[in-house]
Amino acid sequence: MRKTVFKPFLKMLCMRMILFYQKYLSRHTCLYRPTCSQYTLECINNHGAVIGIFLGAWRILRCNPFSKGGYDPAPERFFARRWLL
C-alpha cells in the first residue's frame, strides 16, 4: 500500500521543483527545443520519476556549446497501451 502512495508524491515533487526552476531561476538559453527543463518535465510525466530524471540528465549532458541543438522531443513510452476508437 505504501508504494502506491509514495510514487505519485515523488513524481509531483520532482515536477514542482522543475516548475520552480523554470519560473524563478531559468535564463531560457537552451540550444534545444523544447528546453532541457521542459524535456525533463515531459520525461518525468511520461516515464516516471527515476527514468525521467535519467533521461533529463542525459539531455543536459548533451546540451553543451559544441552541440548543434535543434528540435529534440521527449521520447514517448514505447510499451504504452494505444487505445483505438
Protein backbone atom coordinates (compact mmCIF):
# COMPACT_ATOMS: atom_id res chain seq x y z
CA MET A 1 0.00 0.00 0.00
CA ARG A 2 2.79 2.41 0.81
CA LYS A 3 4.45 2.12 -2.62
CA THR A 4 1.31 3.26 -4.42
CA VAL A 5 1.14 6.42 -2.30
CA PHE A 6 4.85 7.26 -2.47
CA LYS A 7 5.32 7.11 -6.27
CA PRO A 8 2.90 9.92 -7.22
CA PHE A 9 4.31 12.07 -4.41
CA LEU A 10 7.87 11.66 -5.69
CA LYS A 11 6.78 12.36 -9.27
CA MET A 12 4.90 15.53 -8.29
CA LEU A 13 7.75 16.72 -6.06
CA CYS A 14 10.22 16.43 -8.95
CA MET A 15 7.83 18.16 -11.32
CA ARG A 16 7.20 21.02 -8.85
CA MET A 17 10.94 21.54 -8.40
CA ILE A 18 11.41 21.80 -12.17
CA LEU A 19 8.50 24.24 -12.45
CA PHE A 20 10.07 26.36 -9.68
CA TYR A 21 13.36 26.33 -11.60
CA GLN A 22 11.63 27.34 -14.84
CA LYS A 23 9.72 30.19 -13.21
CA TYR A 24 12.37 31.75 -10.96
CA LEU A 25 15.87 30.57 -11.91
CA SER A 26 15.98 29.78 -15.62
CA ARG A 27 17.50 32.14 -18.16
CA HIS A 28 15.94 30.38 -21.20
CA THR A 29 19.23 29.93 -23.07
CA CYS A 30 18.99 26.28 -24.12
CA LEU A 31 20.10 25.26 -27.62
CA TYR A 32 17.40 22.62 -27.92
CA ARG A 33 13.66 22.92 -28.37
CA PRO A 34 11.92 22.10 -26.04
CA THR A 35 14.30 23.39 -23.41
CA CYS A 36 16.16 20.90 -21.20
CA SER A 37 13.94 21.60 -18.21
CA GLN A 38 10.75 21.14 -20.26
CA TYR A 39 12.21 17.95 -21.75
CA THR A 40 12.90 16.60 -18.26
CA LEU A 41 9.42 17.60 -17.13
CA GLU A 42 7.85 15.70 -20.04
CA CYS A 43 10.06 12.66 -19.44
CA ILE A 44 9.09 12.52 -15.77
CA ASN A 45 5.44 12.80 -16.74
CA ASN A 46 5.70 10.07 -19.41
CA HIS A 47 8.14 7.61 -17.81
CA GLY A 48 8.05 8.23 -14.07
CA ALA A 49 10.48 9.93 -11.72
CA VAL A 50 13.54 7.67 -11.91
CA ILE A 51 13.68 7.09 -15.68
CA GLY A 52 12.57 10.68 -16.35
CA ILE A 53 15.41 12.11 -14.28
CA PHE A 54 17.88 9.78 -16.01
CA LEU A 55 16.66 10.89 -19.47
CA GLY A 56 16.78 14.54 -18.40
CA ALA A 57 20.33 14.17 -17.10
CA TRP A 58 21.38 12.55 -20.38
CA ARG A 59 19.87 15.51 -22.26
CA ILE A 60 21.69 18.02 -20.04
CA LEU A 61 24.98 16.22 -20.75
CA ARG A 62 24.28 16.54 -24.49
CA CYS A 63 23.42 20.25 -24.19
CA ASN A 64 26.82 21.88 -24.45
CA PRO A 65 28.41 24.64 -26.58
CA PHE A 66 29.71 22.06 -29.08
CA SER A 67 26.30 20.58 -29.91
CA LYS A 68 24.18 21.82 -32.79
CA GLY A 69 20.95 21.95 -30.82
CA GLY A 70 17.64 21.95 -32.66
CA TYR A 71 14.38 20.09 -32.19
CA ASP A 72 14.64 17.07 -29.89
CA PRO A 73 11.28 15.97 -28.44
CA ALA A 74 10.91 13.87 -25.32
CA PRO A 75 10.50 10.16 -26.05
CA GLU A 76 7.09 8.65 -25.56
CA ARG A 77 6.52 5.41 -23.71
CA PHE A 78 7.29 2.67 -26.19
CA PHE A 79 5.20 -0.01 -24.49
CA ALA A 80 2.25 2.24 -23.60
CA ARG A 81 -1.18 0.97 -24.44
CA ARG A 82 -2.61 2.50 -27.55
CA TRP A 83 -6.38 2.88 -27.36
CA LEU A 84 -8.17 2.84 -30.66
CA LEU A 85 -11.62 4.32 -31.09
